[in-house]
Protein backbone atom coordinates (compact mmCIF):
# COMPACT_ATOMS: atom_id res chain seq x y z
CA MET A 1 122.48 60.48 -86.27
CA LYS A 2 123.93 61.08 -82.90
CA THR A 3 122.46 58.01 -80.76
CA LYS A 4 123.30 57.15 -76.98
CA LYS A 5 122.19 54.79 -74.52
CA LEU A 6 118.86 55.71 -72.83
CA GLY A 7 119.39 56.10 -69.48
CA ALA A 8 120.88 53.65 -67.20
CA SER A 9 119.86 50.61 -69.87
CA ASP A 10 120.67 49.35 -72.69
CA LEU A 11 119.00 50.84 -75.68
CA GLU A 12 120.54 52.77 -77.66
CA VAL A 13 118.51 55.50 -80.13
CA PRO A 14 118.91 58.06 -81.38
CA VAL A 15 119.01 62.28 -79.76
CA ILE A 16 116.67 62.89 -82.07
CA GLY A 17 113.45 60.60 -83.23
CA LEU A 18 110.16 60.71 -84.15
CA GLY A 19 106.85 61.46 -82.83
CA CYS A 20 104.18 59.88 -84.31
CA MET A 21 101.24 61.64 -83.23
CA VAL A 22 101.03 63.92 -86.37
CA LEU A 23 101.04 61.90 -88.44
CA PRO A 24 97.16 61.08 -90.01
CA GLY A 25 94.57 61.51 -87.80
CA PHE A 26 94.99 63.90 -84.76
CA TYR A 27 96.32 67.40 -86.07
CA GLY A 28 93.98 66.63 -88.98
CA PRO A 29 94.23 64.59 -92.20
CA GLY A 30 96.40 63.65 -94.05
CA SER A 31 98.25 61.73 -96.91
CA GLU A 32 99.06 57.89 -95.96
CA ALA A 33 101.96 57.55 -98.86
CA ASP A 34 103.10 60.39 -97.22
CA ALA A 35 103.16 59.23 -94.09
CA ILE A 36 104.63 56.38 -94.58
CA ALA A 37 107.65 57.88 -96.71
CA THR A 38 108.86 59.98 -93.74
CA LEU A 39 108.85 56.86 -91.73
CA HIS A 40 110.86 55.42 -94.78
CA ARG A 41 113.24 58.74 -95.09
CA ALA A 42 113.69 58.48 -90.54
CA ALA A 43 115.40 55.03 -90.79
CA GLU A 44 117.74 56.33 -93.86
CA ILE A 45 118.52 59.25 -91.89
CA GLY A 46 118.49 57.69 -88.62
CA VAL A 47 115.95 59.39 -87.07
CA ASN A 48 114.60 55.82 -86.27
CA PHE A 49 113.29 56.10 -82.33
CA LEU A 50 109.67 55.90 -83.60
CA ASP A 51 107.00 57.17 -80.33
CA SER A 52 103.53 56.32 -80.96
CA SER A 53 100.48 55.12 -78.83
CA ASP A 54 97.32 52.92 -78.41
CA LEU A 55 95.27 56.48 -78.27
CA TYR A 56 96.80 57.97 -81.55
CA GLY A 57 93.63 57.58 -83.71
CA ALA A 58 92.60 55.56 -81.32
CA GLY A 59 95.16 52.16 -82.91
CA GLU A 60 95.16 53.69 -86.30
CA ASN A 61 98.46 55.45 -85.62
CA GLU A 62 99.64 51.80 -84.71
CA LYS A 63 98.55 50.39 -87.37
CA LEU A 64 100.19 52.96 -90.45
CA LEU A 65 103.62 52.06 -88.43
CA GLY A 66 102.74 48.69 -88.50
CA ARG A 67 102.50 48.56 -92.46
CA ALA A 68 105.22 51.30 -92.88
CA ILE A 69 108.27 49.15 -90.66
CA ALA A 70 106.50 45.46 -92.07
CA GLY A 71 109.49 43.72 -94.04
CA ARG A 72 111.60 45.96 -92.17
CA ARG A 73 111.73 46.00 -88.53
CA GLY A 74 115.16 45.19 -87.23
CA ASP A 75 115.26 49.25 -88.86
CA TYR A 76 113.18 50.82 -85.97
CA ILE A 77 113.40 51.59 -82.24
CA VAL A 78 109.94 50.67 -81.52
CA ALA A 79 107.94 53.23 -78.69
CA SER A 80 104.62 52.45 -77.69
CA LYS A 81 102.46 54.02 -74.88
CA PHE A 82 99.04 52.54 -73.44
CA GLY A 83 96.68 53.49 -70.07
CA ASN A 84 95.62 57.06 -71.69
CA VAL A 85 91.78 56.10 -72.82
CA ARG A 86 88.72 57.46 -73.45
CA THR A 87 85.76 56.80 -70.83
CA ALA A 88 82.24 56.24 -72.30
CA ASP A 89 81.35 59.35 -72.26
CA GLY A 90 84.50 60.45 -74.57
CA LYS A 91 85.79 61.67 -70.85
CA PRO A 92 89.84 62.03 -70.92
CA GLY A 93 90.65 58.79 -68.38
CA VAL A 94 93.13 56.53 -66.93
CA ASN A 95 93.33 53.00 -66.54
CA GLY A 96 96.73 51.04 -65.07
CA ARG A 97 94.50 48.10 -63.90
CA PRO A 98 97.63 44.98 -64.05
CA GLU A 99 95.13 43.14 -66.39
CA TYR A 100 94.51 46.07 -68.36
CA VAL A 101 98.32 45.92 -68.92
CA GLN A 102 98.33 43.37 -70.26
CA GLN A 103 95.32 43.59 -72.44
CA ALA A 104 96.91 46.55 -74.01
CA CYS A 105 100.33 45.43 -74.89
CA GLU A 106 98.86 42.59 -76.85
CA ALA A 107 96.65 44.74 -78.76
CA SER A 108 99.78 47.29 -79.97
CA LEU A 109 101.56 44.45 -80.81
CA GLN A 110 98.93 43.00 -83.06
CA ARG A 111 97.88 46.10 -84.26
CA LEU A 112 102.44 46.90 -84.83
CA GLY A 113 102.08 43.61 -86.52
CA THR A 114 105.57 43.05 -84.39
CA ASP A 115 106.31 40.64 -81.43
CA VAL A 116 108.07 42.51 -79.15
CA ILE A 117 107.56 46.61 -78.37
CA ASP A 118 111.53 48.19 -77.68
CA LEU A 119 109.90 50.67 -75.23
CA TYR A 120 106.59 50.53 -73.73
CA TYR A 121 105.31 53.44 -71.79
CA GLN A 122 102.14 54.09 -68.81
CA HIS A 123 100.76 56.60 -71.29
CA ARG A 124 99.10 58.69 -67.91
CA VAL A 125 99.44 57.64 -64.46
CA ASP A 126 96.33 55.45 -62.75
CA THR A 127 96.02 57.16 -59.90
CA THR A 128 93.43 54.48 -58.34
CA VAL A 129 95.86 51.40 -58.58
CA PRO A 130 99.03 51.24 -56.88
CA ILE A 131 101.82 52.09 -59.07
CA GLU A 132 103.25 49.19 -58.06
CA ASP A 133 101.09 47.35 -59.46
CA THR A 134 101.28 48.99 -62.82
CA VAL A 135 104.74 48.44 -62.98
CA GLY A 136 104.24 45.07 -62.05
CA ALA A 137 102.36 44.07 -64.40
CA MET A 138 104.96 45.84 -67.28
CA ALA A 139 107.33 43.79 -65.84
CA ARG A 140 105.87 40.24 -66.96
CA LEU A 141 105.58 41.94 -69.97
CA ILE A 142 109.64 41.80 -70.13
CA GLU A 143 109.34 38.18 -68.73
CA GLN A 144 107.34 37.31 -71.70
CA GLY A 145 108.88 38.86 -74.92
CA LYS A 146 106.42 41.30 -75.66
CA VAL A 147 108.26 44.21 -74.24
CA ARG A 148 112.23 45.28 -73.96
CA TYR A 149 112.04 48.57 -71.45
CA LEU A 150 110.11 50.46 -69.69
CA GLY A 151 108.87 53.87 -69.55
CA LEU A 152 106.12 56.34 -67.63
CA SER A 153 105.15 59.87 -68.99
CA GLU A 154 104.13 62.45 -67.14
CA ALA A 155 104.25 61.44 -63.51
CA ALA A 156 105.44 62.70 -60.73
CA GLU A 157 108.58 62.81 -58.37
CA THR A 158 106.88 60.15 -56.19
CA THR A 159 105.53 57.91 -58.35
CA ILE A 160 108.71 57.94 -60.63
CA ARG A 161 110.89 56.77 -57.47
CA ARG A 162 108.32 54.40 -56.57
CA ALA A 163 108.08 53.09 -60.02
CA HIS A 164 111.73 53.03 -60.56
CA GLY A 165 111.98 50.96 -57.04
CA THR A 166 109.47 48.57 -58.76
CA HIS A 167 111.49 47.93 -61.54
CA PRO A 168 114.04 50.06 -63.27
CA ILE A 169 112.48 52.52 -65.54
CA SER A 170 114.67 54.13 -68.52
CA ALA A 171 112.72 56.81 -69.88
CA LEU A 172 110.27 59.10 -68.68
CA GLN A 173 108.58 61.24 -71.75
CA THR A 174 107.01 64.45 -70.85
CA GLU A 175 106.43 67.89 -72.23
CA TYR A 176 109.93 69.91 -72.74
CA SER A 177 110.74 72.85 -74.90
CA LEU A 178 110.91 76.66 -74.50
CA TRP A 179 107.71 76.96 -73.59
CA SER A 180 106.88 74.57 -71.08
CA ARG A 181 110.36 74.44 -68.71
CA ASP A 182 108.57 73.19 -65.38
CA VAL A 183 110.25 69.86 -65.73
CA GLU A 184 113.46 72.00 -64.78
CA SER A 185 112.67 72.52 -61.05
CA GLU A 186 112.54 68.37 -60.13
CA ILE A 187 111.25 66.15 -62.44
CA LEU A 188 115.05 66.38 -65.17
CA PRO A 189 117.35 66.07 -62.18
CA LEU A 190 115.56 63.53 -60.39
CA THR A 191 115.97 61.41 -63.93
CA GLN A 192 119.80 62.55 -64.14
CA GLU A 193 119.91 61.27 -60.40
CA LEU A 194 118.02 57.71 -60.90
CA GLY A 195 120.17 57.20 -64.61
CA ILE A 196 117.10 57.85 -66.59
CA GLY A 197 116.86 59.05 -70.29
CA PHE A 198 114.39 62.27 -70.58
CA VAL A 199 112.58 61.78 -73.77
CA ALA A 200 110.45 65.46 -74.64
CA TYR A 201 107.72 65.44 -76.54
CA SER A 202 106.21 68.71 -78.46
CA PRO A 203 110.17 69.72 -77.67
CA LEU A 204 108.57 72.67 -80.52
CA GLY A 205 105.60 73.79 -78.69
CA ARG A 206 102.80 71.75 -80.67
CA GLY A 207 104.75 73.42 -83.64
CA ILE A 208 104.84 77.12 -82.34
CA PHE A 209 107.93 77.19 -82.77
CA GLY A 210 108.24 75.58 -86.24
CA GLY A 211 107.45 78.56 -88.03
CA ASP A 212 104.45 77.65 -89.16
CA VAL A 213 101.66 78.81 -86.88
CA THR A 214 101.35 82.41 -87.34
CA GLY A 215 97.72 82.99 -86.07
CA PRO A 216 94.36 81.09 -85.11
CA ASP A 217 93.60 81.08 -89.60
CA SER A 218 96.38 79.01 -89.79
CA LEU A 219 95.49 75.94 -87.60
CA PRO A 220 92.75 74.19 -90.26
CA GLU A 221 89.55 73.19 -88.99
CA GLY A 222 89.59 69.95 -87.28
CA ASP A 223 92.84 70.66 -85.81
CA ARG A 224 93.57 69.27 -82.30
CA ARG A 225 95.32 72.63 -81.21
CA ARG A 226 92.22 74.45 -81.65
CA ASP A 227 90.99 73.10 -78.92
CA HIS A 228 94.53 73.81 -76.16
CA PRO A 229 94.55 77.12 -74.25
CA ARG A 230 98.22 77.88 -76.02
CA PHE A 231 96.93 78.10 -79.57
CA GLN A 232 93.30 80.38 -78.60
CA GLY A 233 92.47 84.11 -78.66
CA ALA A 234 95.07 86.27 -76.53
CA ASN A 235 96.90 83.92 -75.04
CA LEU A 236 97.98 82.65 -79.08
CA THR A 237 98.57 86.40 -80.22
CA ARG A 238 101.24 86.96 -76.31
CA ASN A 239 102.60 83.16 -77.44
CA LEU A 240 103.21 84.27 -80.78
CA ALA A 241 105.77 86.94 -79.19
CA LEU A 242 108.04 83.67 -77.90
CA VAL A 243 108.81 82.73 -80.91
CA GLU A 244 111.12 86.67 -81.92
CA PRO A 245 114.34 85.75 -79.88
CA VAL A 246 114.34 82.31 -81.77
CA ARG A 247 113.72 83.71 -84.86
CA GLN A 248 116.17 86.43 -84.41
CA LEU A 249 119.07 83.35 -83.54
CA GLY A 250 118.20 81.24 -85.72
CA LEU A 251 118.33 84.51 -88.63
CA ALA A 252 121.89 85.54 -87.25
CA LYS A 253 122.91 81.63 -86.69
CA GLY A 254 121.62 80.98 -90.51
CA TYR A 255 118.93 78.08 -89.40
CA GLU A 256 115.68 77.69 -88.66
CA PRO A 257 113.60 78.69 -85.44
CA ALA A 258 112.51 74.83 -84.98
CA GLN A 259 116.52 73.80 -85.56
CA ILE A 260 117.66 76.57 -82.86
CA ALA A 261 114.68 75.10 -80.35
CA LEU A 262 116.02 71.74 -80.73
CA ALA A 263 119.73 72.72 -79.96
CA TRP A 264 118.61 74.18 -77.11
CA LEU A 265 116.60 71.39 -75.62
CA LEU A 266 119.73 68.94 -76.81
CA SER A 267 121.67 71.14 -74.17
CA ARG A 268 119.58 70.38 -71.34
CA GLY A 269 121.38 67.66 -70.52
CA GLU A 270 123.16 64.44 -71.54
CA ASN A 271 119.84 62.28 -70.27
CA VAL A 272 117.49 64.45 -72.58
CA PHE A 273 116.19 63.37 -76.05
CA ALA A 274 113.69 64.80 -78.32
CA ILE A 275 110.58 63.35 -80.32
CA PRO A 276 109.30 66.18 -82.30
CA GLY A 277 106.47 65.28 -85.02
CA THR A 278 106.05 66.12 -88.55
CA ARG A 279 104.68 64.04 -91.33
CA ARG A 280 107.16 66.00 -93.67
CA ILE A 281 110.12 64.30 -94.86
CA THR A 282 111.82 68.16 -95.42
CA HIS A 283 110.98 69.13 -92.09
CA LEU A 284 112.01 65.57 -91.12
CA GLU A 285 115.63 66.60 -92.41
CA ALA A 286 115.49 70.29 -90.90
CA ASN A 287 114.95 68.46 -87.03
CA ALA A 288 117.53 65.64 -87.31
CA ALA A 289 120.40 68.05 -88.42
CA ALA A 290 119.79 70.03 -85.37
CA VAL A 291 121.89 67.47 -83.63
CA ASP A 292 124.78 68.97 -85.63
CA ILE A 293 124.01 72.61 -83.66
CA THR A 294 125.83 74.26 -80.95
CA LEU A 295 125.28 76.69 -78.97
CA THR A 296 127.62 79.32 -77.14
CA ALA A 297 126.39 79.40 -73.02
CA ASP A 298 125.47 82.84 -73.84
CA GLU A 299 122.71 82.37 -76.42
CA ILE A 300 121.29 79.17 -74.34
CA SER A 301 121.16 82.51 -72.09
CA HIS A 302 120.12 84.71 -73.66
CA LEU A 303 116.94 82.43 -74.59
CA ASP A 304 116.46 81.01 -71.29
CA GLU A 305 116.40 84.92 -69.88
CA LEU A 306 113.99 85.76 -72.69
CA ILE A 307 111.54 82.98 -72.13
CA LEU A 308 111.08 81.98 -68.26
CA PRO A 309 110.20 78.97 -67.22
CA GLY A 310 105.83 79.91 -66.95
CA ALA A 311 106.26 82.48 -69.64
CA ALA A 312 103.69 80.92 -71.88
CA SER A 313 100.28 82.25 -71.45
CA GLY A 314 97.33 79.39 -70.91
CA THR A 315 97.24 75.67 -69.39
CA ARG A 316 99.44 72.85 -71.49
CA TYR A 317 96.02 70.88 -72.22
CA PRO A 318 92.37 71.62 -71.96
CA ALA A 319 90.77 71.10 -68.59
CA GLY A 320 89.90 67.32 -69.16
CA GLN A 321 93.49 66.66 -70.32
CA MET A 322 95.15 68.79 -67.27
CA ALA A 323 93.17 66.82 -64.74
CA VAL A 324 94.51 63.63 -65.04
CA LEU A 325 98.25 64.63 -64.91
CA ASN A 326 100.32 62.89 -62.48
CA ASN A 327 101.79 66.21 -61.01
């Protein structure tokens, strides 16, 4: 697996990591034994950059990772996030208060069963708290030896600049894929200017480019994507058409659509990393193999022209979650 430094930091990570949100709990039930087997296989093939959050499964995701990496912590680079919370009435909310930063980190460390988190993100920006105060509290975690590097997720341009001026930000994690390209106008160039690694989550469009989503009935009951506008009704029908040029290019080159989508993403800049999520070893291995695929300039342009920025029908998230994005 190809590795490189995350932005201007000294943290060397694989260009393709593993998004852990899809492990049992978020996209329907699953086998913990199978999930742990996938996590162990990830380390064996160099996809050892694991991404979690205290929000996923209300902390259960971090606990699962803790059980998987127990006794082999040195085999993994562990990233987690804080600040994306649920209010008392169950609605999405954010918390970036300095005292909460400390509290959240210590709770995550306990669930993960580790002394240090390699990369710690603010999951969503709390616009009621100056970003300098939140990042200042995160920087104190580094001084305490509880965190190695800092990141932001779904942050706006001015927020990123102010945060980076308070303490170096090593990574920005934001949704980026063939059907979510809005970062290309400002955010991706900004990370390149400031020397920040760009970690693309949902690089397969929440599975739309993975080939398993063929219609509304292909999403199991309880799958959170059923609540997302892009996976509903006429939106889904139109969005499935976006997969066709990717599938056709894959057939021509002998690769799966997901591999083409990942190869396209990794072509967008030297600071770009991808963390596709999967719970299956076969998908994990196929995703990892995408690092060796080279698309020609003509092939990249072909996809760019057929899947333009803004081509996807529907918003990235339901309304409540869209409201807490810092954009």
